[in-house]
Amino acid sequence: MKGAGRPRSDFEKAMEDPVLRKELAREGMIVEATEAIAKAMERSGVSRAELARRLGRHRSFVTRLLSGSRNLTVATVGEALGALGFEGVIELREVGRRQEGQGVVVLFTRRPRRKAILGEGGSGAGTGQLSAVG
């Protein structure tokens, strides 16, 4: 029996609640996406005003985007990262399997855009990592 002999953590107990699991997954993705955009801005040396200009939006849009209060779509994240010279990659992992110090879910690279496929080989072996191919 899995985990026999050791008490379950508060996190493990909390994750049994499907409503809490859903909320945690949603909020976690928003945080990860906004952190990825903020890091891409920092690495690119791009201000909020400049990102807004590149997106054809008002600066307040970028402020809301980075605050985490806006419900982000994958398209919005991709558009923002693309305007900064990055592309996003979504990594899948089982709930509760995140290790301390592990990277963000939405990873970014400065590669030319390519067709994306769901791969099981290479560095993403067994993770179902979305990766770019030629």
N, C-alpha and C. Protein backbone atom coordinates (compact mmCIF):
# COMPACT_ATOMS: atom_id res chain seq x y z
N MET A 1 0.83 -1.17 0.00
CA MET A 1 0.00 0.00 0.00
C MET A 1 0.88 1.25 0.00
N LYS A 2 0.59 2.14 -0.94
CA LYS A 2 1.41 3.34 -1.11
C LYS A 2 1.29 4.27 0.10
N GLY A 3 2.42 4.70 0.62
CA GLY A 3 2.46 5.65 1.73
C GLY A 3 2.14 5.06 3.09
N ALA A 4 2.03 3.75 3.17
CA ALA A 4 1.72 3.11 4.47
C ALA A 4 2.87 3.36 5.44
N GLY A 5 2.53 3.63 6.68
CA GLY A 5 3.57 3.80 7.70
C GLY A 5 3.97 5.23 7.93
N ARG A 6 3.58 6.14 7.05
CA ARG A 6 3.92 7.54 7.28
C ARG A 6 2.64 8.36 7.24
N PRO A 7 2.55 9.34 8.10
CA PRO A 7 1.34 10.17 8.11
C PRO A 7 1.27 11.05 6.85
N ARG A 8 0.05 11.28 6.38
CA ARG A 8 -0.12 12.14 5.21
C ARG A 8 0.09 13.60 5.62
N SER A 9 0.66 14.35 4.72
CA SER A 9 0.88 15.77 4.99
C SER A 9 -0.44 16.53 4.85
N ASP A 10 -0.46 17.76 5.35
CA ASP A 10 -1.64 18.60 5.20
C ASP A 10 -1.94 18.82 3.72
N PHE A 11 -0.88 18.96 2.91
CA PHE A 11 -1.05 19.14 1.46
C PHE A 11 -1.75 17.93 0.85
N GLU A 12 -1.29 16.74 1.20
CA GLU A 12 -1.90 15.52 0.66
C GLU A 12 -3.37 15.42 1.06
N LYS A 13 -3.68 15.78 2.29
CA LYS A 13 -5.07 15.75 2.75
C LYS A 13 -5.90 16.78 1.99
N ALA A 14 -5.36 17.98 1.82
CA ALA A 14 -6.07 19.05 1.12
C ALA A 14 -6.33 18.69 -0.34
N MET A 15 -5.38 17.99 -0.96
CA MET A 15 -5.51 17.65 -2.37
C MET A 15 -6.60 16.61 -2.64
N GLU A 16 -7.18 16.05 -1.60
CA GLU A 16 -8.30 15.12 -1.77
C GLU A 16 -9.59 15.87 -2.10
N ASP A 17 -9.63 17.16 -1.83
CA ASP A 17 -10.81 17.98 -2.12
C ASP A 17 -10.77 18.41 -3.58
N PRO A 18 -11.69 17.93 -4.44
CA PRO A 18 -11.64 18.25 -5.87
C PRO A 18 -11.80 19.74 -6.17
N VAL A 19 -12.58 20.45 -5.36
CA VAL A 19 -12.76 21.89 -5.58
C VAL A 19 -11.44 22.62 -5.31
N LEU A 20 -10.78 22.28 -4.22
CA LEU A 20 -9.49 22.89 -3.89
C LEU A 20 -8.43 22.55 -4.94
N ARG A 21 -8.42 21.29 -5.40
CA ARG A 21 -7.47 20.87 -6.44
C ARG A 21 -7.65 21.71 -7.71
N LYS A 22 -8.90 21.90 -8.11
CA LYS A 22 -9.21 22.68 -9.31
C LYS A 22 -8.73 24.13 -9.15
N GLU A 23 -9.05 24.73 -8.01
CA GLU A 23 -8.65 26.12 -7.74
C GLU A 23 -7.13 26.27 -7.69
N LEU A 24 -6.46 25.33 -7.04
CA LEU A 24 -5.00 25.37 -6.95
C LEU A 24 -4.37 25.24 -8.33
N ALA A 25 -4.90 24.36 -9.16
CA ALA A 25 -4.37 24.19 -10.52
C ALA A 25 -4.54 25.46 -11.33
N ARG A 26 -5.71 26.08 -11.23
CA ARG A 26 -5.97 27.31 -11.98
C ARG A 26 -5.06 28.45 -11.52
N GLU A 27 -5.01 28.67 -10.22
CA GLU A 27 -4.18 29.75 -9.69
C GLU A 27 -2.70 29.50 -9.95
N GLY A 28 -2.28 28.24 -9.84
CA GLY A 28 -0.88 27.90 -10.10
C GLY A 28 -0.47 28.24 -11.53
N MET A 29 -1.34 27.95 -12.49
CA MET A 29 -1.02 28.25 -13.89
C MET A 29 -0.95 29.76 -14.12
N ILE A 30 -1.84 30.51 -13.49
CA ILE A 30 -1.81 31.97 -13.64
C ILE A 30 -0.49 32.52 -13.11
N VAL A 31 -0.09 32.05 -11.92
CA VAL A 31 1.17 32.51 -11.32
C VAL A 31 2.35 32.14 -12.21
N GLU A 32 2.38 30.91 -12.68
CA GLU A 32 3.49 30.45 -13.52
C GLU A 32 3.57 31.28 -14.80
N ALA A 33 2.42 31.54 -15.43
CA ALA A 33 2.40 32.29 -16.68
C ALA A 33 2.84 33.73 -16.48
N THR A 34 2.35 34.38 -15.42
CA THR A 34 2.74 35.77 -15.18
C THR A 34 4.22 35.87 -14.82
N GLU A 35 4.73 34.89 -14.08
CA GLU A 35 6.17 34.89 -13.78
C GLU A 35 7.00 34.71 -15.04
N ALA A 36 6.53 33.86 -15.96
CA ALA A 36 7.26 33.65 -17.20
C ALA A 36 7.30 34.94 -18.03
N ILE A 37 6.18 35.65 -18.10
CA ILE A 37 6.15 36.91 -18.85
C ILE A 37 7.05 37.94 -18.19
N ALA A 38 7.00 38.04 -16.87
CA ALA A 38 7.85 39.00 -16.15
C ALA A 38 9.33 38.70 -16.36
N LYS A 39 9.70 37.41 -16.31
CA LYS A 39 11.10 37.03 -16.53
C LYS A 39 11.52 37.32 -17.96
N ALA A 40 10.64 37.08 -18.92
CA ALA A 40 10.96 37.37 -20.32
C ALA A 40 11.14 38.88 -20.52
N MET A 41 10.31 39.68 -19.85
CA MET A 41 10.47 41.14 -19.92
C MET A 41 11.82 41.56 -19.36
N GLU A 42 12.17 40.99 -18.21
CA GLU A 42 13.44 41.32 -17.57
C GLU A 42 14.62 40.94 -18.46
N ARG A 43 14.59 39.73 -18.99
CA ARG A 43 15.69 39.26 -19.84
C ARG A 43 15.79 40.05 -21.14
N SER A 44 14.66 40.55 -21.63
CA SER A 44 14.64 41.33 -22.87
C SER A 44 14.92 42.80 -22.63
N GLY A 45 14.85 43.22 -21.36
CA GLY A 45 15.02 44.63 -21.05
C GLY A 45 13.85 45.47 -21.56
N VAL A 46 12.66 44.88 -21.55
CA VAL A 46 11.47 45.55 -22.08
C VAL A 46 10.59 46.01 -20.92
N SER A 47 10.15 47.25 -20.96
CA SER A 47 9.27 47.81 -19.94
C SER A 47 7.82 47.44 -20.21
N ARG A 48 6.96 47.71 -19.24
CA ARG A 48 5.53 47.48 -19.43
C ARG A 48 5.00 48.32 -20.59
N ALA A 49 5.44 49.57 -20.64
CA ALA A 49 4.98 50.47 -21.70
C ALA A 49 5.41 49.94 -23.07
N GLU A 50 6.64 49.46 -23.18
CA GLU A 50 7.13 48.94 -24.45
C GLU A 50 6.41 47.65 -24.84
N LEU A 51 6.14 46.76 -23.88
CA LEU A 51 5.40 45.55 -24.19
C LEU A 51 3.99 45.91 -24.66
N ALA A 52 3.37 46.88 -24.00
CA ALA A 52 2.03 47.33 -24.41
C ALA A 52 2.07 47.84 -25.85
N ARG A 53 3.09 48.63 -26.18
CA ARG A 53 3.22 49.15 -27.55
C ARG A 53 3.35 48.01 -28.54
N ARG A 54 4.19 47.01 -28.22
CA ARG A 54 4.40 45.87 -29.12
C ARG A 54 3.13 45.05 -29.31
N LEU A 55 2.29 45.01 -28.27
CA LEU A 55 1.04 44.25 -28.34
C LEU A 55 -0.11 45.07 -28.92
N GLY A 56 0.11 46.37 -29.09
CA GLY A 56 -0.96 47.24 -29.57
C GLY A 56 -2.04 47.44 -28.53
N ARG A 57 -1.65 47.43 -27.26
CA ARG A 57 -2.58 47.55 -26.13
C ARG A 57 -2.17 48.73 -25.26
N HIS A 58 -3.03 49.05 -24.30
CA HIS A 58 -2.70 50.08 -23.32
C HIS A 58 -1.79 49.48 -22.25
N ARG A 59 -1.02 50.35 -21.60
CA ARG A 59 -0.13 49.90 -20.52
C ARG A 59 -0.92 49.22 -19.40
N SER A 60 -2.14 49.66 -19.17
CA SER A 60 -2.98 49.07 -18.11
C SER A 60 -3.27 47.59 -18.40
N PHE A 61 -3.32 47.20 -19.68
CA PHE A 61 -3.51 45.79 -20.04
C PHE A 61 -2.34 44.96 -19.53
N VAL A 62 -1.13 45.45 -19.75
CA VAL A 62 0.08 44.73 -19.30
C VAL A 62 0.12 44.69 -17.77
N THR A 63 -0.26 45.77 -17.11
CA THR A 63 -0.30 45.80 -15.65
C THR A 63 -1.26 44.73 -15.13
N ARG A 64 -2.45 44.64 -15.72
CA ARG A 64 -3.42 43.61 -15.32
C ARG A 64 -2.90 42.21 -15.64
N LEU A 65 -2.23 42.08 -16.77
CA LEU A 65 -1.66 40.80 -17.19
C LEU A 65 -0.65 40.29 -16.15
N LEU A 66 0.19 41.19 -15.66
CA LEU A 66 1.24 40.82 -14.71
C LEU A 66 0.75 40.73 -13.27
N SER A 67 -0.43 41.27 -12.98
CA SER A 67 -0.93 41.26 -11.61
C SER A 67 -1.51 39.90 -11.22
N GLY A 68 -1.82 39.08 -12.22
CA GLY A 68 -2.43 37.79 -11.93
C GLY A 68 -3.93 37.88 -11.72
N SER A 69 -4.48 39.09 -11.78
CA SER A 69 -5.92 39.26 -11.58
C SER A 69 -6.70 38.98 -12.86
N ARG A 70 -6.02 38.94 -13.98
CA ARG A 70 -6.66 38.70 -15.27
C ARG A 70 -6.62 37.21 -15.55
N ASN A 71 -7.73 36.66 -16.06
CA ASN A 71 -7.77 35.25 -16.44
C ASN A 71 -7.05 35.11 -17.79
N LEU A 72 -5.83 34.59 -17.75
CA LEU A 72 -5.01 34.49 -18.95
C LEU A 72 -5.44 33.34 -19.84
N THR A 73 -5.39 33.57 -21.15
CA THR A 73 -5.57 32.49 -22.09
C THR A 73 -4.20 32.07 -22.59
N VAL A 74 -4.11 30.88 -23.12
CA VAL A 74 -2.85 30.42 -23.70
C VAL A 74 -2.46 31.36 -24.84
N ALA A 75 -3.44 31.82 -25.60
CA ALA A 75 -3.17 32.74 -26.71
C ALA A 75 -2.55 34.05 -26.21
N THR A 76 -3.07 34.58 -25.10
CA THR A 76 -2.55 35.84 -24.54
C THR A 76 -1.11 35.65 -24.07
N VAL A 77 -0.84 34.55 -23.38
CA VAL A 77 0.52 34.26 -22.92
C VAL A 77 1.46 34.13 -24.11
N GLY A 78 1.03 33.38 -25.12
CA GLY A 78 1.85 33.20 -26.32
C GLY A 78 2.12 34.51 -27.04
N GLU A 79 1.10 35.36 -27.12
CA GLU A 79 1.25 36.67 -27.77
C GLU A 79 2.26 37.54 -27.02
N ALA A 80 2.15 37.56 -25.69
CA ALA A 80 3.07 38.38 -24.88
C ALA A 80 4.49 37.85 -24.99
N LEU A 81 4.67 36.53 -24.85
CA LEU A 81 6.02 35.96 -24.96
C LEU A 81 6.60 36.19 -26.35
N GLY A 82 5.76 36.03 -27.37
CA GLY A 82 6.22 36.26 -28.74
C GLY A 82 6.68 37.69 -28.97
N ALA A 83 5.95 38.64 -28.40
CA ALA A 83 6.32 40.06 -28.52
C ALA A 83 7.65 40.35 -27.84
N LEU A 84 8.03 39.48 -26.91
CA LEU A 84 9.30 39.64 -26.18
C LEU A 84 10.42 38.80 -26.79
N GLY A 85 10.12 38.08 -27.86
CA GLY A 85 11.13 37.26 -28.53
C GLY A 85 11.27 35.87 -27.94
N PHE A 86 10.24 35.41 -27.23
CA PHE A 86 10.26 34.09 -26.62
C PHE A 86 9.06 33.29 -27.10
N GLU A 87 9.12 31.99 -26.88
CA GLU A 87 7.97 31.12 -27.11
C GLU A 87 7.75 30.28 -25.87
N GLY A 88 6.53 29.90 -25.61
CA GLY A 88 6.21 29.12 -24.43
C GLY A 88 6.17 27.64 -24.71
N VAL A 89 6.49 26.86 -23.70
CA VAL A 89 6.41 25.40 -23.75
C VAL A 89 5.67 24.96 -22.49
N ILE A 90 4.68 24.11 -22.65
CA ILE A 90 3.92 23.64 -21.49
C ILE A 90 4.40 22.25 -21.12
N GLU A 91 4.78 22.10 -19.86
CA GLU A 91 5.28 20.83 -19.35
C GLU A 91 4.20 20.21 -18.46
N LEU A 92 3.96 18.92 -18.65
CA LEU A 92 2.97 18.23 -17.84
C LEU A 92 3.66 17.44 -16.73
N ARG A 93 3.04 17.43 -15.55
CA ARG A 93 3.51 16.59 -14.46
C ARG A 93 2.32 16.27 -13.57
N GLU A 94 2.42 15.17 -12.87
CA GLU A 94 1.32 14.76 -12.00
C GLU A 94 1.17 15.73 -10.84
N VAL A 95 -0.06 15.92 -10.40
CA VAL A 95 -0.33 16.79 -9.25
C VAL A 95 0.42 16.26 -8.05
N GLY A 96 1.06 17.17 -7.30
CA GLY A 96 1.79 16.79 -6.10
C GLY A 96 3.19 16.26 -6.38
N ARG A 97 3.61 16.23 -7.64
CA ARG A 97 4.93 15.70 -7.99
C ARG A 97 5.97 16.79 -8.20
N ARG A 98 5.59 18.04 -7.98
CA ARG A 98 6.53 19.14 -8.16
C ARG A 98 7.60 19.11 -7.09
N GLN A 99 8.84 19.20 -7.50
CA GLN A 99 9.96 19.17 -6.58
C GLN A 99 10.39 20.59 -6.24
N GLU A 100 10.90 20.79 -5.07
CA GLU A 100 11.41 22.09 -4.64
C GLU A 100 12.47 22.57 -5.62
N GLY A 101 12.36 23.82 -6.05
CA GLY A 101 13.36 24.40 -6.94
C GLY A 101 13.15 24.05 -8.40
N GLN A 102 12.09 23.33 -8.73
CA GLN A 102 11.84 22.96 -10.11
C GLN A 102 11.40 24.20 -10.89
N GLY A 103 11.63 24.21 -12.18
CA GLY A 103 11.32 25.36 -13.01
C GLY A 103 9.82 25.60 -13.16
N VAL A 104 9.48 26.68 -13.82
CA VAL A 104 8.09 27.02 -14.04
C VAL A 104 7.47 26.11 -15.08
N VAL A 105 6.15 26.02 -15.07
CA VAL A 105 5.43 25.18 -16.02
C VAL A 105 5.58 25.74 -17.42
N VAL A 106 5.42 27.04 -17.56
CA VAL A 106 5.58 27.64 -18.88
C VAL A 106 7.03 28.06 -19.01
N LEU A 107 7.76 27.33 -19.80
CA LEU A 107 9.17 27.60 -20.03
C LEU A 107 9.28 28.48 -21.26
N PHE A 108 10.37 29.18 -21.43
CA PHE A 108 10.51 30.01 -22.60
C PHE A 108 11.93 29.95 -23.14
N THR A 109 12.04 30.06 -24.44
CA THR A 109 13.33 30.02 -25.11
C THR A 109 13.35 31.05 -26.22
N ARG A 110 14.52 31.42 -26.65
CA ARG A 110 14.66 32.33 -27.79
C ARG A 110 14.97 31.51 -29.03
N ARG A 111 14.02 30.74 -29.47
CA ARG A 111 14.18 29.93 -30.67
C ARG A 111 13.23 30.43 -31.73
N PRO A 112 13.56 30.18 -33.01
CA PRO A 112 12.57 30.50 -34.04
C PRO A 112 11.34 29.62 -33.83
N ARG A 113 10.17 30.13 -34.14
CA ARG A 113 8.94 29.34 -33.99
C ARG A 113 8.97 28.17 -34.94
N ARG A 114 8.56 27.02 -34.45
CA ARG A 114 8.50 25.79 -35.23
C ARG A 114 7.23 25.06 -34.91
N LYS A 115 6.93 24.05 -35.70
CA LYS A 115 5.75 23.23 -35.44
C LYS A 115 5.95 22.49 -34.11
N ALA A 116 4.93 22.50 -33.26
CA ALA A 116 5.02 21.86 -31.95
C ALA A 116 4.34 20.49 -31.99
N ILE A 117 4.94 19.52 -31.33
CA ILE A 117 4.36 18.18 -31.21
C ILE A 117 4.45 17.74 -29.77
N LEU A 118 3.60 16.80 -29.39
CA LEU A 118 3.67 16.23 -28.06
C LEU A 118 4.63 15.06 -28.15
N GLY A 119 5.77 15.14 -27.47
CA GLY A 119 6.80 14.12 -27.60
C GLY A 119 7.02 13.35 -26.32
N GLU A 120 7.45 12.12 -26.46
CA GLU A 120 7.77 11.28 -25.32
C GLU A 120 9.27 11.01 -25.24
N GLY A 121 10.03 11.44 -26.20
CA GLY A 121 11.46 11.13 -26.23
C GLY A 121 12.30 12.31 -25.80
N GLY A 122 13.60 12.17 -25.90
CA GLY A 122 14.54 13.25 -25.59
C GLY A 122 14.49 13.63 -24.13
N SER A 123 14.73 14.94 -23.89
CA SER A 123 14.80 15.41 -22.50
C SER A 123 13.46 15.36 -21.79
N GLY A 124 12.37 15.28 -22.55
CA GLY A 124 11.06 15.22 -21.92
C GLY A 124 10.54 13.80 -21.80
N ALA A 125 11.42 12.82 -21.83
CA ALA A 125 11.00 11.42 -21.84
C ALA A 125 10.05 11.10 -20.70
N GLY A 126 8.88 10.58 -21.10
CA GLY A 126 7.92 10.16 -20.10
C GLY A 126 7.14 11.26 -19.43
N THR A 127 7.42 12.51 -19.78
CA THR A 127 6.72 13.61 -19.11
C THR A 127 5.57 14.15 -19.94
N GLY A 128 5.51 13.80 -21.23
CA GLY A 128 4.51 14.35 -22.09
C GLY A 128 4.78 15.82 -22.35
N GLN A 129 6.03 16.20 -22.46
CA GLN A 129 6.42 17.60 -22.63
C GLN A 129 6.17 18.03 -24.06
N LEU A 130 5.58 19.21 -24.23
CA LEU A 130 5.38 19.80 -25.54
C LEU A 130 6.69 20.41 -25.95
N SER A 131 7.20 19.99 -27.11
CA SER A 131 8.49 20.52 -27.53
C SER A 131 8.46 20.90 -28.99
N ALA A 132 9.36 21.80 -29.39
CA ALA A 132 9.42 22.27 -30.77
C ALA A 132 10.30 21.36 -31.60
N VAL A 133 9.87 21.14 -32.82
CA VAL A 133 10.66 20.35 -33.76
C VAL A 133 10.73 21.07 -35.09
N GLY A 134 11.68 20.67 -35.92
CA GLY A 134 11.86 21.33 -37.22
C GLY A 134 10.86 20.97 -38.25
